[in-house]
Amino acid sequence: MVDRLSRWLPDLEPPPGGELRLRHALANEHPQRPVLSWAVAGMVMVLVGSIWLIRAGSDISGSLHRELAAAMEPAPEVSVAGMQVTALPSRRPDIRLYLLVEVRPDGD
């Protein structure tokens, strides 16, 4: 396996002074930022997201309540062309049932 790799990937020499520049850059590496700053940033993001969701949720629930209240109002008179419409009782107040019977003009 190593022979195959060396055939396809020959050994390369670094550019002049390249190894020295790399060693110098690695020696002068910036100190890592404390983990605490990442934790604080994460908590701020969660807080902002929570506030946004709560505000958006109140708008959605308000419109949902309005739509449900409109749906629960008594239905206006229902009419269907060529049909006799009779309202039927329902066990659930949010469901309306109607019986439709075809009315034939010739009296059959």
C-alpha atoms as a PDB file:
ATOM      1  CA  MET A   1       0.000   0.000   0.000  1.00  0.00           C
ATOM      2  CA  VAL A   2       2.809   2.411   0.866  1.00  0.00           C
ATOM      3  CA  ASP A   3       4.502   1.675  -2.474  1.00  0.00           C
ATOM      4  CA  ARG A   4       1.314   2.643  -4.324  1.00  0.00           C
ATOM      5  CA  LEU A   5       1.037   5.897  -2.381  1.00  0.00           C
ATOM      6  CA  SER A   6       4.656   6.854  -2.953  1.00  0.00           C
ATOM      7  CA  ARG A   7       4.180   6.276  -6.676  1.00  0.00           C
ATOM      8  CA  TRP A   8       1.137   8.602  -6.787  1.00  0.00           C
ATOM      9  CA  LEU A   9       2.217  11.012  -4.059  1.00  0.00           C
ATOM     10  CA  PRO A  10       5.959  11.683  -4.275  1.00  0.00           C
ATOM     11  CA  ASP A  11       7.835  13.288  -1.380  1.00  0.00           C
ATOM     12  CA  LEU A  12       7.823  17.051  -1.695  1.00  0.00           C
ATOM     13  CA  GLU A  13      10.317  19.452  -0.206  1.00  0.00           C
ATOM     14  CA  PRO A  14       8.929  22.601   1.453  1.00  0.00           C
ATOM     15  CA  PRO A  15       9.600  25.905  -0.269  1.00  0.00           C
ATOM     16  CA  PRO A  16      12.713  27.797   0.821  1.00  0.00           C
ATOM     17  CA  GLY A  17      12.180  29.030   4.371  1.00  0.00           C
ATOM     18  CA  GLY A  18       8.687  27.478   4.463  1.00  0.00           C
ATOM     19  CA  GLU A  19       9.380  25.059   7.291  1.00  0.00           C
ATOM     20  CA  LEU A  20      10.886  27.836   9.406  1.00  0.00           C
ATOM     21  CA  ARG A  21       7.854  30.103   8.764  1.00  0.00           C
ATOM     22  CA  LEU A  22       5.487  27.258   9.720  1.00  0.00           C
ATOM     23  CA  ARG A  23       7.337  26.534  12.958  1.00  0.00           C
ATOM     24  CA  HIS A  24       7.369  30.249  13.821  1.00  0.00           C
ATOM     25  CA  ALA A  25       3.620  30.580  13.136  1.00  0.00           C
ATOM     26  CA  LEU A  26       2.827  27.535  15.288  1.00  0.00           C
ATOM     27  CA  ALA A  27       4.996  28.839  18.136  1.00  0.00           C
ATOM     28  CA  ASN A  28       3.234  32.246  18.101  1.00  0.00           C
ATOM     29  CA  GLU A  29      -0.262  30.767  18.023  1.00  0.00           C
ATOM     30  CA  HIS A  30      -2.958  32.961  19.554  1.00  0.00           C
ATOM     31  CA  PRO A  31      -4.345  31.696  22.859  1.00  0.00           C
ATOM     32  CA  GLN A  32      -7.686  29.956  22.589  1.00  0.00           C
ATOM     33  CA  ARG A  33     -10.742  31.921  23.576  1.00  0.00           C
ATOM     34  CA  PRO A  34     -12.215  30.787  26.836  1.00  0.00           C
ATOM     35  CA  VAL A  35     -15.041  28.289  26.665  1.00  0.00           C
ATOM     36  CA  LEU A  36     -17.074  30.639  28.844  1.00  0.00           C
ATOM     37  CA  SER A  37     -17.464  33.141  25.994  1.00  0.00           C
ATOM     38  CA  TRP A  38     -18.950  30.435  23.769  1.00  0.00           C
ATOM     39  CA  ALA A  39     -21.322  29.398  26.549  1.00  0.00           C
ATOM     40  CA  VAL A  40     -22.466  33.004  27.045  1.00  0.00           C
ATOM     41  CA  ALA A  41     -22.968  33.439  23.296  1.00  0.00           C
ATOM     42  CA  GLY A  42     -25.039  30.252  23.207  1.00  0.00           C
ATOM     43  CA  MET A  43     -27.201  31.355  26.120  1.00  0.00           C
ATOM     44  CA  VAL A  44     -27.817  34.741  24.483  1.00  0.00           C
ATOM     45  CA  MET A  45     -28.909  32.991  21.276  1.00  0.00           C
ATOM     46  CA  VAL A  46     -31.296  30.734  23.222  1.00  0.00           C
ATOM     47  CA  LEU A  47     -32.730  33.737  25.055  1.00  0.00           C
ATOM     48  CA  VAL A  48     -33.275  35.726  21.856  1.00  0.00           C
ATOM     49  CA  GLY A  49     -34.826  32.705  20.138  1.00  0.00           C
ATOM     50  CA  SER A  50     -37.140  32.054  23.087  1.00  0.00           C
ATOM     51  CA  ILE A  51     -38.361  35.638  23.163  1.00  0.00           C
ATOM     52  CA  TRP A  52     -38.978  35.554  19.412  1.00  0.00           C
ATOM     53  CA  LEU A  53     -40.913  32.259  19.659  1.00  0.00           C
ATOM     54  CA  ILE A  54     -43.028  33.500  22.560  1.00  0.00           C
ATOM     55  CA  ARG A  55     -43.973  36.667  20.675  1.00  0.00           C
ATOM     56  CA  ALA A  56     -44.695  34.768  17.458  1.00  0.00           C
ATOM     57  CA  GLY A  57     -46.679  32.167  19.390  1.00  0.00           C
ATOM     58  CA  SER A  58     -48.926  34.792  20.991  1.00  0.00           C
ATOM     59  CA  ASP A  59     -49.805  36.180  17.537  1.00  0.00           C
ATOM     60  CA  ILE A  60     -50.585  32.699  16.249  1.00  0.00           C
ATOM     61  CA  SER A  61     -52.661  31.709  19.273  1.00  0.00           C
ATOM     62  CA  GLY A  62     -54.596  34.990  19.118  1.00  0.00           C
ATOM     63  CA  SER A  63     -55.558  34.472  15.491  1.00  0.00           C
ATOM     64  CA  LEU A  64     -56.336  30.834  16.213  1.00  0.00           C
ATOM     65  CA  HIS A  65     -58.723  31.834  19.010  1.00  0.00           C
ATOM     66  CA  ARG A  66     -60.443  34.350  16.738  1.00  0.00           C
ATOM     67  CA  GLU A  67     -60.903  31.768  13.981  1.00  0.00           C
ATOM     68  CA  LEU A  68     -62.256  29.167  16.411  1.00  0.00           C
ATOM     69  CA  ALA A  69     -64.694  31.679  17.898  1.00  0.00           C
ATOM     70  CA  ALA A  70     -65.947  32.546  14.414  1.00  0.00           C
ATOM     71  CA  ALA A  71     -66.384  28.859  13.600  1.00  0.00           C
ATOM     72  CA  MET A  72     -68.396  28.273  16.791  1.00  0.00           C
ATOM     73  CA  GLU A  73     -70.961  30.978  16.027  1.00  0.00           C
ATOM     74  CA  PRO A  74     -74.367  29.738  14.943  1.00  0.00           C
ATOM     75  CA  ALA A  75     -74.473  28.952  11.260  1.00  0.00           C
ATOM     76  CA  PRO A  76     -76.587  31.105   8.992  1.00  0.00           C
ATOM     77  CA  GLU A  77     -79.432  29.553   7.092  1.00  0.00           C
ATOM     78  CA  VAL A  78     -78.026  26.877   4.798  1.00  0.00           C
ATOM     79  CA  SER A  79     -79.543  26.382   1.371  1.00  0.00           C
ATOM     80  CA  VAL A  80     -78.580  24.156  -1.524  1.00  0.00           C
ATOM     81  CA  ALA A  81     -80.215  24.499  -4.939  1.00  0.00           C
ATOM     82  CA  GLY A  82     -82.666  21.678  -5.597  1.00  0.00           C
ATOM     83  CA  MET A  83     -82.290  20.234  -2.087  1.00  0.00           C
ATOM     84  CA  GLN A  84     -84.246  20.373   1.146  1.00  0.00           C
ATOM     85  CA  VAL A  85     -81.815  21.089   4.003  1.00  0.00           C
ATOM     86  CA  THR A  86     -82.565  19.891   7.522  1.00  0.00           C
ATOM     87  CA  ALA A  87     -80.227  20.595  10.448  1.00  0.00           C
ATOM     88  CA  LEU A  88     -79.490  17.518  12.579  1.00  0.00           C
ATOM     89  CA  PRO A  89     -78.420  17.504  16.232  1.00  0.00           C
ATOM     90  CA  SER A  90     -74.757  16.824  16.982  1.00  0.00           C
ATOM     91  CA  ARG A  91     -73.129  15.718  20.225  1.00  0.00           C
ATOM     92  CA  ARG A  92     -70.266  18.080  19.573  1.00  0.00           C
ATOM     93  CA  PRO A  93     -71.000  21.799  19.359  1.00  0.00           C
ATOM     94  CA  ASP A  94     -68.124  22.342  16.922  1.00  0.00           C
ATOM     95  CA  ILE A  95     -69.655  19.977  14.341  1.00  0.00           C
ATOM     96  CA  ARG A  96     -72.728  20.827  12.294  1.00  0.00           C
ATOM     97  CA  LEU A  97     -74.693  18.125  10.509  1.00  0.00           C
ATOM     98  CA  TYR A  98     -77.243  18.629   7.752  1.00  0.00           C
ATOM     99  CA  LEU A  99     -79.520  16.191   5.953  1.00  0.00           C
ATOM    100  CA  LEU A 100     -79.879  16.980   2.257  1.00  0.00           C
ATOM    101  CA  VAL A 101     -82.874  15.574   0.417  1.00  0.00           C
ATOM    102  CA  GLU A 102     -83.314  16.113  -3.286  1.00  0.00           C
ATOM    103  CA  VAL A 103     -86.546  17.933  -4.155  1.00  0.00           C
ATOM    104  CA  ARG A 104     -87.996  16.972  -7.505  1.00  0.00           C
ATOM    105  CA  PRO A 105     -90.217  19.571  -9.115  1.00  0.00           C
ATOM    106  CA  ASP A 106     -92.521  16.948 -10.701  1.00  0.00           C
ATOM    107  CA  GLY A 107     -93.603  15.601  -7.262  1.00  0.00           C
ATOM    108  CA  ASP A 108     -92.010  12.089  -7.477  1.00  0.00           C
END
